[in-house]
Amino acid sequence: MDWRLEPISDRPRRPGPVLLVVMDGIGLGFGDEGDAVALARTPVLDWLRANCPWVPLKAHGTAVGLPSDDDMGNSEVGHNAIGAGRLFDQGAKLVRRAIADGSLFAGETWRRLIERCRR
């Protein structure tokens, strides 16, 4: 696998440095009455968005290794994906796989649970 970053053709080339800013809880919402970020007064963020190159990142669902796009992300899954540069199966997806391949039922904890239930 080639891990080199290639220039994005529709973005102007700019001299570095490049800064990655991850702001937990800040997202691109719909701008409706329940969107606290859109309703807040954010002059610095507004200036940065208007004057600096930026790209949105998906931080939920299959983009971060969750089972479906209906699954909300969280700090852990987003940080894992960004920090590692690849996806790791998360949460319910791990459980589904463990059930499907039988590994859930092979562990010592499962064996003790079943033994206790039988008593």
PDB file of N, CA and C in Angstrom:
ATOM      1  N   MET A   1       0.847  -1.186   0.000  1.00  0.00           N
ATOM      2  CA  MET A   1       0.000   0.000   0.000  1.00  0.00           C
ATOM      3  C   MET A   1       0.887   1.242   0.000  1.00  0.00           C
ATOM      4  N   ASP A   2       0.510   2.230  -0.786  1.00  0.00           N
ATOM      5  CA  ASP A   2       1.262   3.473  -0.885  1.00  0.00           C
ATOM      6  C   ASP A   2       0.665   4.492   0.085  1.00  0.00           C
ATOM      7  N   TRP A   3       1.448   4.955   1.032  1.00  0.00           N
ATOM      8  CA  TRP A   3       0.960   5.865   2.068  1.00  0.00           C
ATOM      9  C   TRP A   3       1.273   7.329   1.770  1.00  0.00           C
ATOM     10  N   ARG A   4       1.793   7.633   0.586  1.00  0.00           N
ATOM     11  CA  ARG A   4       2.110   9.026   0.267  1.00  0.00           C
ATOM     12  C   ARG A   4       0.836   9.817  -0.015  1.00  0.00           C
ATOM     13  N   LEU A   5       0.829  11.054   0.442  1.00  0.00           N
ATOM     14  CA  LEU A   5      -0.296  11.939   0.149  1.00  0.00           C
ATOM     15  C   LEU A   5      -0.079  12.585  -1.208  1.00  0.00           C
ATOM     16  N   GLU A   6      -1.100  12.592  -2.020  1.00  0.00           N
ATOM     17  CA  GLU A   6      -1.040  13.219  -3.335  1.00  0.00           C
ATOM     18  C   GLU A   6      -1.790  14.548  -3.274  1.00  0.00           C
ATOM     19  N   PRO A   7      -1.351  15.543  -4.045  1.00  0.00           N
ATOM     20  CA  PRO A   7      -2.062  16.830  -4.061  1.00  0.00           C
ATOM     21  C   PRO A   7      -3.498  16.651  -4.545  1.00  0.00           C
ATOM     22  N   ILE A   8      -4.383  17.441  -3.996  1.00  0.00           N
ATOM     23  CA  ILE A   8      -5.781  17.449  -4.430  1.00  0.00           C
ATOM     24  C   ILE A   8      -5.885  18.505  -5.522  1.00  0.00           C
ATOM     25  N   SER A   9      -6.280  18.100  -6.709  1.00  0.00           N
ATOM     26  CA  SER A   9      -6.208  18.976  -7.880  1.00  0.00           C
ATOM     27  C   SER A   9      -7.099  20.212  -7.783  1.00  0.00           C
ATOM     28  N   ASP A  10      -8.235  20.135  -7.097  1.00  0.00           N
ATOM     29  CA  ASP A  10      -9.123  21.299  -7.054  1.00  0.00           C
ATOM     30  C   ASP A  10      -8.825  22.227  -5.876  1.00  0.00           C
ATOM     31  N   ARG A  11      -7.747  21.994  -5.170  1.00  0.00           N
ATOM     32  CA  ARG A  11      -7.343  22.854  -4.052  1.00  0.00           C
ATOM     33  C   ARG A  11      -6.049  23.577  -4.419  1.00  0.00           C
ATOM     34  N   PRO A  12      -5.960  24.862  -4.137  1.00  0.00           N
ATOM     35  CA  PRO A  12      -4.700  25.566  -4.426  1.00  0.00           C
ATOM     36  C   PRO A  12      -3.591  25.069  -3.499  1.00  0.00           C
ATOM     37  N   ARG A  13      -2.386  25.004  -4.041  1.00  0.00           N
ATOM     38  CA  ARG A  13      -1.234  24.607  -3.217  1.00  0.00           C
ATOM     39  C   ARG A  13      -0.846  25.795  -2.347  1.00  0.00           C
ATOM     40  N   ARG A  14      -0.617  25.525  -1.084  1.00  0.00           N
ATOM     41  CA  ARG A  14      -0.224  26.573  -0.148  1.00  0.00           C
ATOM     42  C   ARG A  14       1.013  26.107   0.599  1.00  0.00           C
ATOM     43  N   PRO A  15       1.865  27.045   0.962  1.00  0.00           N
ATOM     44  CA  PRO A  15       3.017  26.647   1.768  1.00  0.00           C
ATOM     45  C   PRO A  15       2.547  26.222   3.155  1.00  0.00           C
ATOM     46  N   GLY A  16       3.304  25.352   3.799  1.00  0.00           N
ATOM     47  CA  GLY A  16       2.962  24.881   5.145  1.00  0.00           C
ATOM     48  C   GLY A  16       3.237  25.950   6.161  1.00  0.00           C
ATOM     49  N   PRO A  17       3.091  25.657   7.398  1.00  0.00           N
ATOM     50  CA  PRO A  17       2.705  24.332   7.891  1.00  0.00           C
ATOM     51  C   PRO A  17       1.200  24.097   7.772  1.00  0.00           C
ATOM     52  N   VAL A  18       0.834  22.845   7.907  1.00  0.00           N
ATOM     53  CA  VAL A  18      -0.569  22.445   7.890  1.00  0.00           C
ATOM     54  C   VAL A  18      -0.967  22.123   9.317  1.00  0.00           C
ATOM     55  N   LEU A  19      -2.140  22.536   9.700  1.00  0.00           N
ATOM     56  CA  LEU A  19      -2.622  22.305  11.054  1.00  0.00           C
ATOM     57  C   LEU A  19      -3.916  21.508  10.990  1.00  0.00           C
ATOM     58  N   LEU A  20      -3.970  20.402  11.709  1.00  0.00           N
ATOM     59  CA  LEU A  20      -5.202  19.626  11.836  1.00  0.00           C
ATOM     60  C   LEU A  20      -5.816  19.982  13.180  1.00  0.00           C
ATOM     61  N   VAL A  21      -7.016  20.531  13.148  1.00  0.00           N
ATOM     62  CA  VAL A  21      -7.714  20.917  14.369  1.00  0.00           C
ATOM     63  C   VAL A  21      -8.941  20.028  14.500  1.00  0.00           C
ATOM     64  N   VAL A  22      -9.018  19.275  15.584  1.00  0.00           N
ATOM     65  CA  VAL A  22     -10.177  18.437  15.862  1.00  0.00           C
ATOM     66  C   VAL A  22     -10.904  19.070  17.041  1.00  0.00           C
ATOM     67  N   MET A  23     -12.145  19.482  16.814  1.00  0.00           N
ATOM     68  CA  MET A  23     -12.931  20.120  17.867  1.00  0.00           C
ATOM     69  C   MET A  23     -14.116  19.221  18.202  1.00  0.00           C
ATOM     70  N   ASP A  24     -13.972  18.463  19.276  1.00  0.00           N
ATOM     71  CA  ASP A  24     -15.045  17.557  19.684  1.00  0.00           C
ATOM     72  C   ASP A  24     -16.327  18.340  19.927  1.00  0.00           C
ATOM     73  N   GLY A  25     -17.412  17.826  19.396  1.00  0.00           N
ATOM     74  CA  GLY A  25     -18.715  18.441  19.613  1.00  0.00           C
ATOM     75  C   GLY A  25     -19.055  19.541  18.625  1.00  0.00           C
ATOM     76  N   ILE A  26     -18.123  19.915  17.777  1.00  0.00           N
ATOM     77  CA  ILE A  26     -18.379  20.940  16.769  1.00  0.00           C
ATOM     78  C   ILE A  26     -18.563  20.226  15.438  1.00  0.00           C
ATOM     79  N   GLY A  27     -19.675  20.480  14.800  1.00  0.00           N
ATOM     80  CA  GLY A  27     -19.937  19.799  13.541  1.00  0.00           C
ATOM     81  C   GLY A  27     -20.653  20.703  12.567  1.00  0.00           C
ATOM     82  N   LEU A  28     -20.859  20.195  11.378  1.00  0.00           N
ATOM     83  CA  LEU A  28     -21.606  20.913  10.355  1.00  0.00           C
ATOM     84  C   LEU A  28     -23.028  20.373  10.375  1.00  0.00           C
ATOM     85  N   GLY A  29     -23.908  21.126  10.990  1.00  0.00           N
ATOM     86  CA  GLY A  29     -25.291  20.682  11.124  1.00  0.00           C
ATOM     87  C   GLY A  29     -26.179  21.290  10.055  1.00  0.00           C
ATOM     88  N   PHE A  30     -27.473  21.304  10.337  1.00  0.00           N
ATOM     89  CA  PHE A  30     -28.455  21.798   9.377  1.00  0.00           C
ATOM     90  C   PHE A  30     -28.770  23.278   9.566  1.00  0.00           C
ATOM     91  N   GLY A  31     -28.271  23.887  10.632  1.00  0.00           N
ATOM     92  CA  GLY A  31     -28.525  25.303  10.863  1.00  0.00           C
ATOM     93  C   GLY A  31     -29.920  25.602  11.361  1.00  0.00           C
ATOM     94  N   ASP A  32     -30.607  24.582  11.872  1.00  0.00           N
ATOM     95  CA  ASP A  32     -31.966  24.800  12.367  1.00  0.00           C
ATOM     96  C   ASP A  32     -31.942  25.260  13.829  1.00  0.00           C
ATOM     97  N   GLU A  33     -33.115  25.373  14.430  1.00  0.00           N
ATOM     98  CA  GLU A  33     -33.215  25.916  15.793  1.00  0.00           C
ATOM     99  C   GLU A  33     -32.544  25.041  16.847  1.00  0.00           C
ATOM    100  N   GLY A  34     -32.253  23.806  16.548  1.00  0.00           N
ATOM    101  CA  GLY A  34     -31.570  22.932  17.500  1.00  0.00           C
ATOM    102  C   GLY A  34     -30.068  22.841  17.270  1.00  0.00           C
ATOM    103  N   ASP A  35     -29.540  23.613  16.346  1.00  0.00           N
ATOM    104  CA  ASP A  35     -28.120  23.555  15.989  1.00  0.00           C
ATOM    105  C   ASP A  35     -27.353  24.627  16.764  1.00  0.00           C
ATOM    106  N   ALA A  36     -26.880  24.264  17.957  1.00  0.00           N
ATOM    107  CA  ALA A  36     -26.213  25.225  18.836  1.00  0.00           C
ATOM    108  C   ALA A  36     -24.966  25.828  18.194  1.00  0.00           C
ATOM    109  N   VAL A  37     -24.241  25.047  17.437  1.00  0.00           N
ATOM    110  CA  VAL A  37     -23.018  25.562  16.803  1.00  0.00           C
ATOM    111  C   VAL A  37     -23.374  26.630  15.773  1.00  0.00           C
ATOM    112  N   ALA A  38     -24.378  26.359  14.942  1.00  0.00           N
ATOM    113  CA  ALA A  38     -24.785  27.332  13.923  1.00  0.00           C
ATOM    114  C   ALA A  38     -25.376  28.591  14.554  1.00  0.00           C
ATOM    115  N   LEU A  39     -26.030  28.448  15.689  1.00  0.00           N
ATOM    116  CA  LEU A  39     -26.658  29.594  16.347  1.00  0.00           C
ATOM    117  C   LEU A  39     -25.674  30.420  17.171  1.00  0.00           C
ATOM    118  N   ALA A  40     -24.544  29.840  17.529  1.00  0.00           N
ATOM    119  CA  ALA A  40     -23.564  30.532  18.371  1.00  0.00           C
ATOM    120  C   ALA A  40     -22.848  31.628  17.585  1.00  0.00           C
ATOM    121  N   ARG A  41     -22.361  32.619  18.319  1.00  0.00           N
ATOM    122  CA  ARG A  41     -21.542  33.665  17.714  1.00  0.00           C
ATOM    123  C   ARG A  41     -20.110  33.137  17.687  1.00  0.00           C
ATOM    124  N   THR A  42     -19.588  32.878  16.495  1.00  0.00           N
ATOM    125  CA  THR A  42     -18.271  32.250  16.343  1.00  0.00           C
ATOM    126  C   THR A  42     -17.424  33.038  15.342  1.00  0.00           C
ATOM    127  N   PRO A  43     -17.024  34.267  15.681  1.00  0.00           N
ATOM    128  CA  PRO A  43     -16.311  35.092  14.701  1.00  0.00           C
ATOM    129  C   PRO A  43     -14.983  34.492  14.227  1.00  0.00           C
ATOM    130  N   VAL A  44     -14.242  33.850  15.098  1.00  0.00           N
ATOM    131  CA  VAL A  44     -12.955  33.277  14.685  1.00  0.00           C
ATOM    132  C   VAL A  44     -13.182  32.100  13.736  1.00  0.00           C
ATOM    133  N   LEU A  45     -14.094  31.200  14.105  1.00  0.00           N
ATOM    134  CA  LEU A  45     -14.390  30.069  13.220  1.00  0.00           C
ATOM    135  C   LEU A  45     -14.955  30.549  11.889  1.00  0.00           C
ATOM    136  N   ASP A  46     -15.811  31.568  11.931  1.00  0.00           N
ATOM    137  CA  ASP A  46     -16.373  32.114  10.695  1.00  0.00           C
ATOM    138  C   ASP A  46     -15.264  32.662   9.794  1.00  0.00           C
ATOM    139  N   TRP A  47     -14.296  33.382  10.387  1.00  0.00           N
ATOM    140  CA  TRP A  47     -13.193  33.939   9.605  1.00  0.00           C
ATOM    141  C   TRP A  47     -12.338  32.817   9.017  1.00  0.00           C
ATOM    142  N   LEU A  48     -12.006  31.833   9.828  1.00  0.00           N
ATOM    143  CA  LEU A  48     -11.188  30.715   9.349  1.00  0.00           C
ATOM    144  C   LEU A  48     -11.869  29.994   8.188  1.00  0.00           C
ATOM    145  N   ARG A  49     -13.158  29.762   8.328  1.00  0.00           N
ATOM    146  CA  ARG A  49     -13.893  29.053   7.274  1.00  0.00           C
ATOM    147  C   ARG A  49     -13.926  29.859   5.977  1.00  0.00           C
ATOM    148  N   ALA A  50     -14.027  31.177   6.105  1.00  0.00           N
ATOM    149  CA  ALA A  50     -14.100  32.035   4.919  1.00  0.00           C
ATOM    150  C   ALA A  50     -12.736  32.266   4.266  1.00  0.00           C
ATOM    151  N   ASN A  51     -11.652  32.165   5.028  1.00  0.00           N
ATOM    152  CA  ASN A  51     -10.343  32.571   4.521  1.00  0.00           C
ATOM    153  C   ASN A  51      -9.289  31.475   4.420  1.00  0.00           C
ATOM    154  N   CYS A  52      -9.562  30.310   4.943  1.00  0.00           N
ATOM    155  CA  CYS A  52      -8.559  29.239   4.953  1.00  0.00           C
ATOM    156  C   CYS A  52      -9.125  27.983   4.295  1.00  0.00           C
ATOM    157  N   PRO A  53      -8.252  27.202   3.671  1.00  0.00           N
ATOM    158  CA  PRO A  53      -8.738  25.935   3.107  1.00  0.00           C
ATOM    159  C   PRO A  53      -9.201  25.003   4.225  1.00  0.00           C
ATOM    160  N   TRP A  54     -10.265  24.309   3.993  1.00  0.00           N
ATOM    161  CA  TRP A  54     -10.772  23.355   4.982  1.00  0.00           C
ATOM    162  C   TRP A  54     -11.581  22.300   4.255  1.00  0.00           C
ATOM    163  N   VAL A  55     -11.731  21.170   4.885  1.00  0.00           N
ATOM    164  CA  VAL A  55     -12.572  20.102   4.349  1.00  0.00           C
ATOM    165  C   VAL A  55     -13.353  19.488   5.499  1.00  0.00           C
ATOM    166  N   PRO A  56     -14.607  19.136   5.275  1.00  0.00           N
ATOM    167  CA  PRO A  56     -15.359  18.440   6.325  1.00  0.00           C
ATOM    168  C   PRO A  56     -14.942  16.975   6.375  1.00  0.00           C
ATOM    169  N   LEU A  57     -14.973  16.401   7.550  1.00  0.00           N
ATOM    170  CA  LEU A  57     -14.701  14.979   7.741  1.00  0.00           C
ATOM    171  C   LEU A  57     -15.943  14.326   8.306  1.00  0.00           C
ATOM    172  N   LYS A  58     -16.264  13.144   7.839  1.00  0.00           N
ATOM    173  CA  LYS A  58     -17.364  12.391   8.439  1.00  0.00           C
ATOM    174  C   LYS A  58     -16.855  11.753   9.723  1.00  0.00           C
ATOM    175  N   ALA A  59     -17.630  11.875  10.789  1.00  0.00           N
ATOM    176  CA  ALA A  59     -17.220  11.343  12.085  1.00  0.00           C
ATOM    177  C   ALA A  59     -18.284  10.420  12.660  1.00  0.00           C
ATOM    178  N   HIS A  60     -19.041   9.774  11.766  1.00  0.00           N
ATOM    179  CA  HIS A  60     -20.077   8.853  12.225  1.00  0.00           C
ATOM    180  C   HIS A  60     -20.178   7.695  11.235  1.00  0.00           C
ATOM    181  N   GLY A  61     -20.892   6.685  11.649  1.00  0.00           N
ATOM    182  CA  GLY A  61     -21.238   5.582  10.756  1.00  0.00           C
ATOM    183  C   GLY A  61     -20.067   4.839  10.155  1.00  0.00           C
ATOM    184  N   THR A  62     -20.273   4.395   8.928  1.00  0.00           N
ATOM    185  CA  THR A  62     -19.268   3.559   8.262  1.00  0.00           C
ATOM    186  C   THR A  62     -17.961   4.305   8.018  1.00  0.00           C
ATOM    187  N   ALA A  63     -17.994   5.630   7.988  1.00  0.00           N
ATOM    188  CA  ALA A  63     -16.771   6.414   7.768  1.00  0.00           C
ATOM    189  C   ALA A  63     -15.759   6.230   8.891  1.00  0.00           C
ATOM    190  N   VAL A  64     -16.233   5.834  10.079  1.00  0.00           N
ATOM    191  CA  VAL A  64     -15.326   5.620  11.215  1.00  0.00           C
ATOM    192  C   VAL A  64     -15.383   4.194  11.748  1.00  0.00           C
ATOM    193  N   GLY A  65     -15.921   3.270  10.952  1.00  0.00           N
ATOM    194  CA  GLY A  65     -15.889   1.859  11.327  1.00  0.00           C
ATOM    195  C   GLY A  65     -17.099   1.345  12.078  1.00  0.00           C
ATOM    196  N   LEU A  66     -18.170   2.140  12.137  1.00  0.00           N
ATOM    197  CA  LEU A  66     -19.397   1.683  12.788  1.00  0.00           C
ATOM    198  C   LEU A  66     -20.245   0.913  11.776  1.00  0.00           C
ATOM    199  N   PRO A  67     -21.231   0.131  12.250  1.00  0.00           N
ATOM    200  CA  PRO A  67     -21.984  -0.757  11.352  1.00  0.00           C
ATOM    201  C   PRO A  67     -22.753  -0.058  10.235  1.00  0.00           C
ATOM    202  N   SER A  68     -23.340   1.099  10.509  1.00  0.00           N
ATOM    203  CA  SER A  68     -24.138   1.770   9.477  1.00  0.00           C
ATOM    204  C   SER A  68     -24.013   3.278   9.639  1.00  0.00           C
ATOM    205  N   ASP A  69     -24.493   4.010   8.650  1.00  0.00           N
ATOM    206  CA  ASP A  69     -24.439   5.466   8.727  1.00  0.00           C
ATOM    207  C   ASP A  69     -25.473   6.041   9.685  1.00  0.00           C
ATOM    208  N   ASP A  70     -26.331   5.194  10.240  1.00  0.00           N
ATOM    209  CA  ASP A  70     -27.273   5.638  11.267  1.00  0.00           C
ATOM    210  C   ASP A  70     -26.626   5.667  12.650  1.00  0.00           C
ATOM    211  N   ASP A  71     -25.421   5.096  12.781  1.00  0.00           N
ATOM    212  CA  ASP A  71     -24.733   5.053  14.072  1.00  0.00           C
ATOM    213  C   ASP A  71     -23.947   6.337  14.289  1.00  0.00           C
ATOM    214  N   MET A  72     -24.226   6.995  15.438  1.00  0.00           N
ATOM    215  CA  MET A  72     -23.506   8.207  15.784  1.00  0.00           C
ATOM    216  C   MET A  72     -22.063   7.882  16.131  1.00  0.00           C
ATOM    217  N   GLY A  73     -21.177   8.757  15.762  1.00  0.00           N
ATOM    218  CA  GLY A  73     -19.780   8.616  16.161  1.00  0.00           C
ATOM    219  C   GLY A  73     -19.578   9.166  17.561  1.00  0.00           C
ATOM    220  N   ASN A  74     -18.356   9.096  18.037  1.00  0.00           N
ATOM    221  CA  ASN A  74     -17.981   9.693  19.314  1.00  0.00           C
ATOM    222  C   ASN A  74     -16.501  10.021  19.242  1.00  0.00           C
ATOM    223  N   SER A  75     -15.981  10.630  20.283  1.00  0.00           N
ATOM    224  CA  SER A  75     -14.575  11.036  20.266  1.00  0.00           C
ATOM    225  C   SER A  75     -13.649   9.874  19.985  1.00  0.00           C
ATOM    226  N   GLU A  76     -13.892   8.751  20.623  1.00  0.00           N
ATOM    227  CA  GLU A  76     -12.972   7.618  20.492  1.00  0.00           C
ATOM    228  C   GLU A  76     -12.881   7.114  19.055  1.00  0.00           C
ATOM    229  N   VAL A  77     -14.018   6.882  18.415  1.00  0.00           N
ATOM    230  CA  VAL A  77     -13.963   6.324  17.061  1.00  0.00           C
ATOM    231  C   VAL A  77     -13.359   7.310  16.067  1.00  0.00           C
ATOM    232  N   GLY A  78     -13.686   8.574  16.214  1.00  0.00           N
ATOM    233  CA  GLY A  78     -13.112   9.579  15.326  1.00  0.00           C
ATOM    234  C   GLY A  78     -11.612   9.718  15.501  1.00  0.00           C
ATOM    235  N   HIS A  79     -11.170   9.751  16.747  1.00  0.00           N
ATOM    236  CA  HIS A  79      -9.734   9.877  17.013  1.00  0.00           C
ATOM    237  C   HIS A  79      -8.980   8.642  16.539  1.00  0.00           C
ATOM    238  N   ASN A  80      -9.566   7.465  16.702  1.00  0.00           N
ATOM    239  CA  ASN A  80      -8.920   6.241  16.203  1.00  0.00           C
ATOM    240  C   ASN A  80      -8.718   6.318  14.693  1.00  0.00           C
ATOM    241  N   ALA A  81      -9.757   6.719  13.976  1.00  0.00           N
ATOM    242  CA  ALA A  81      -9.676   6.765  12.513  1.00  0.00           C
ATOM    243  C   ALA A  81      -8.676   7.818  12.039  1.00  0.00           C
ATOM    244  N   ILE A  82      -8.719   9.002  12.618  1.00  0.00           N
ATOM    245  CA  ILE A  82      -7.802  10.062  12.199  1.00  0.00           C
ATOM    246  C   ILE A  82      -6.371   9.727  12.615  1.00  0.00           C
ATOM    247  N   GLY A  83      -6.200   9.297  13.849  1.00  0.00           N
ATOM    248  CA  GLY A  83      -4.855   9.019  14.357  1.00  0.00           C
ATOM    249  C   GLY A  83      -4.177   7.861  13.661  1.00  0.00           C
ATOM    250  N   ALA A  84      -4.927   6.823  13.357  1.00  0.00           N
ATOM    251  CA  ALA A  84      -4.345   5.639  12.720  1.00  0.00           C
ATOM    252  C   ALA A  84      -4.318   5.764  11.201  1.00  0.00           C
ATOM    253  N   GLY A  85      -5.159   6.642  10.678  1.00  0.00           N
ATOM    254  CA  GLY A  85      -5.232   6.774   9.228  1.00  0.00           C
ATOM    255  C   GLY A  85      -5.963   5.623   8.565  1.00  0.00           C
ATOM    256  N   ARG A  86      -6.678   4.851   9.361  1.00  0.00           N
ATOM    257  CA  ARG A  86      -7.466   3.741   8.819  1.00  0.00           C
ATOM    258  C   ARG A  86      -8.594   3.438   9.793  1.00  0.00           C
ATOM    259  N   LEU A  87      -9.512   2.592   9.346  1.00  0.00           N
ATOM    260  CA  LEU A  87     -10.673   2.263  10.169  1.00  0.00           C
ATOM    261  C   LEU A  87     -10.415   1.053  11.045  1.00  0.00           C
ATOM    262  N   PHE A  88     -11.031   1.074  12.207  1.00  0.00           N
ATOM    263  CA  PHE A  88     -11.090  -0.079  13.094  1.00  0.00           C
ATOM    264  C   PHE A  88     -12.558  -0.363  13.339  1.00  0.00           C
ATOM    265  N   ASP A  89     -12.944  -1.631  13.288  1.00  0.00           N
ATOM    266  CA  ASP A  89     -14.322  -1.959  13.648  1.00  0.00           C
ATOM    267  C   ASP A  89     -14.561  -1.497  15.075  1.00  0.00           C
ATOM    268  N   GLN A  90     -15.765  -0.957  15.319  1.00  0.00           N
ATOM    269  CA  GLN A  90     -16.087  -0.366  16.609  1.00  0.00           C
ATOM    270  C   GLN A  90     -17.403  -0.926  17.134  1.00  0.00           C
ATOM    271  N   GLY A  91     -17.567  -0.892  18.445  1.00  0.00           N
ATOM    272  CA  GLY A  91     -18.825  -1.147  19.123  1.00  0.00           C
ATOM    273  C   GLY A  91     -19.642  -2.301  18.604  1.00  0.00           C
ATOM    274  N   ALA A  92     -20.850  -1.973  18.137  1.00  0.00           N
ATOM    275  CA  ALA A  92     -21.810  -2.992  17.704  1.00  0.00           C
ATOM    276  C   ALA A  92     -21.263  -3.849  16.564  1.00  0.00           C
ATOM    277  N   LYS A  93     -20.414  -3.287  15.734  1.00  0.00           N
ATOM    278  CA  LYS A  93     -19.838  -4.055  14.628  1.00  0.00           C
ATOM    279  C   LYS A  93     -18.943  -5.171  15.168  1.00  0.00           C
ATOM    280  N   LEU A  94     -18.195  -4.892  16.230  1.00  0.00           N
ATOM    281  CA  LEU A  94     -17.368  -5.924  16.869  1.00  0.00           C
ATOM    282  C   LEU A  94     -18.238  -7.023  17.468  1.00  0.00           C
ATOM    283  N   VAL A  95     -19.334  -6.623  18.105  1.00  0.00           N
ATOM    284  CA  VAL A  95     -20.237  -7.600  18.724  1.00  0.00           C
ATOM    285  C   VAL A  95     -20.872  -8.476  17.651  1.00  0.00           C
ATOM    286  N   ARG A  96     -21.368  -7.855  16.576  1.00  0.00           N
ATOM    287  CA  ARG A  96     -21.983  -8.638  15.490  1.00  0.00           C
ATOM    288  C   ARG A  96     -21.004  -9.653  14.902  1.00  0.00           C
ATOM    289  N   ARG A  97     -19.762  -9.227  14.705  1.00  0.00           N
ATOM    290  CA  ARG A  97     -18.763 -10.139  14.144  1.00  0.00           C
ATOM    291  C   ARG A  97     -18.467 -11.275  15.117  1.00  0.00           C
ATOM    292  N   ALA A  98     -18.368 -10.960  16.426  1.00  0.00           N
ATOM    293  CA  ALA A  98     -18.088 -11.995  17.428  1.00  0.00           C
ATOM    294  C   ALA A  98     -19.223 -13.014  17.508  1.00  0.00           C
ATOM    295  N   ILE A  99     -20.457 -12.568  17.323  1.00  0.00           N
ATOM    296  CA  ILE A  99     -21.592 -13.498  17.300  1.00  0.00           C
ATOM    297  C   ILE A  99     -21.530 -14.348  16.034  1.00  0.00           C
ATOM    298  N   ALA A 100     -21.286 -13.695  14.895  1.00  0.00           N
ATOM    299  CA  ALA A 100     -21.278 -14.406  13.611  1.00  0.00           C
ATOM    300  C   ALA A 100     -20.176 -15.459  13.530  1.00  0.00           C
ATOM    301  N   ASP A 101     -18.989 -15.142  14.046  1.00  0.00           N
ATOM    302  CA  ASP A 101     -17.891 -16.113  13.929  1.00  0.00           C
ATOM    303  C   ASP A 101     -17.775 -17.035  15.145  1.00  0.00           C
ATOM    304  N   GLY A 102     -18.658 -16.828  16.141  1.00  0.00           N
ATOM    305  CA  GLY A 102     -18.685 -17.710  17.303  1.00  0.00           C
ATOM    306  C   GLY A 102     -17.687 -17.380  18.392  1.00  0.00           C
ATOM    307  N   SER A 103     -16.831 -16.396  18.173  1.00  0.00           N
ATOM    308  CA  SER A 103     -15.806 -16.091  19.181  1.00  0.00           C
ATOM    309  C   SER A 103     -16.410 -15.549  20.479  1.00  0.00           C
ATOM    310  N   LEU A 104     -17.595 -14.943  20.410  1.00  0.00           N
ATOM    311  CA  LEU A 104     -18.249 -14.459  21.628  1.00  0.00           C
ATOM    312  C   LEU A 104     -18.519 -15.605  22.593  1.00  0.00           C
ATOM    313  N   PHE A 105     -18.858 -16.754  22.045  1.00  0.00           N
ATOM    314  CA  PHE A 105     -19.265 -17.896  22.858  1.00  0.00           C
ATOM    315  C   PHE A 105     -18.090 -18.781  23.273  1.00  0.00           C
ATOM    316  N   ALA A 106     -16.887 -18.431  22.856  1.00  0.00           N
ATOM    317  CA  ALA A 106     -15.716 -19.265  23.144  1.00  0.00           C
ATOM    318  C   ALA A 106     -14.925 -18.778  24.352  1.00  0.00           C
ATOM    319  N   GLY A 107     -15.232 -17.604  24.851  1.00  0.00           N
ATOM    320  CA  GLY A 107     -14.439 -17.020  25.932  1.00  0.00           C
ATOM    321  C   GLY A 107     -14.804 -17.543  27.309  1.00  0.00           C
ATOM    322  N   GLU A 108     -13.886 -17.339  28.225  1.00  0.00           N
ATOM    323  CA  GLU A 108     -14.058 -17.766  29.613  1.00  0.00           C
ATOM    324  C   GLU A 108     -15.224 -17.040  30.277  1.00  0.00           C
ATOM    325  N   THR A 109     -15.403 -15.770  29.993  1.00  0.00           N
ATOM    326  CA  THR A 109     -16.501 -15.004  30.598  1.00  0.00           C
ATOM    327  C   THR A 109     -17.846 -15.579  30.178  1.00  0.00           C
ATOM    328  N   TRP A 110     -17.999 -15.909  28.903  1.00  0.00           N
ATOM    329  CA  TRP A 110     -19.248 -16.505  28.415  1.00  0.00           C
ATOM    330  C   TRP A 110     -19.494 -17.850  29.095  1.00  0.00           C
ATOM    331  N   ARG A 111     -18.450 -18.657  29.201  1.00  0.00           N
ATOM    332  CA  ARG A 111     -18.582 -19.972  29.824  1.00  0.00           C
ATOM    333  C   ARG A 111     -19.047 -19.829  31.271  1.00  0.00           C
ATOM    334  N   ARG A 112     -18.453 -18.892  32.021  1.00  0.00           N
ATOM    335  CA  ARG A 112     -18.851 -18.678  33.423  1.00  0.00           C
ATOM    336  C   ARG A 112     -20.280 -18.157  33.515  1.00  0.00           C
ATOM    337  N   LEU A 113     -20.672 -17.287  32.597  1.00  0.00           N
ATOM    338  CA  LEU A 113     -22.032 -16.751  32.587  1.00  0.00           C
ATOM    339  C   LEU A 113     -23.049 -17.870  32.387  1.00  0.00           C
ATOM    340  N   ILE A 114     -22.816 -18.725  31.419  1.00  0.00           N
ATOM    341  CA  ILE A 114     -23.732 -19.836  31.149  1.00  0.00           C
ATOM    342  C   ILE A 114     -23.772 -20.789  32.337  1.00  0.00           C
ATOM    343  N   GLU A 115     -22.621 -21.064  32.902  1.00  0.00           N
ATOM    344  CA  GLU A 115     -22.552 -21.953  34.071  1.00  0.00           C
ATOM    345  C   GLU A 115     -23.367 -21.377  35.226  1.00  0.00           C
ATOM    346  N   ARG A 116     -23.242 -20.087  35.449  1.00  0.00           N
ATOM    347  CA  ARG A 116     -23.981 -19.439  36.540  1.00  0.00           C
ATOM    348  C   ARG A 116     -25.485 -19.456  36.270  1.00  0.00           C
ATOM    349  N   CYS A 117     -25.888 -19.243  35.030  1.00  0.00           N
ATOM    350  CA  CYS A 117     -27.312 -19.252  34.681  1.00  0.00           C
ATOM    351  C   CYS A 117     -27.932 -20.637  34.873  1.00  0.00           C
ATOM    352  N   ARG A 118     -27.137 -21.660  34.669  1.00  0.00           N
ATOM    353  CA  ARG A 118     -27.650 -23.025  34.807  1.00  0.00           C
ATOM    354  C   ARG A 118     -27.871 -23.411  36.259  1.00  0.00           C
ATOM    355  N   ARG A 119     -27.234 -22.735  37.183  1.00  0.00           N
ATOM    356  CA  ARG A 119     -27.384 -23.082  38.612  1.00  0.00           C
ATOM    357  C   ARG A 119     -28.700 -22.658  39.163  1.00  0.00           C
TER     358      ARG A 119
END
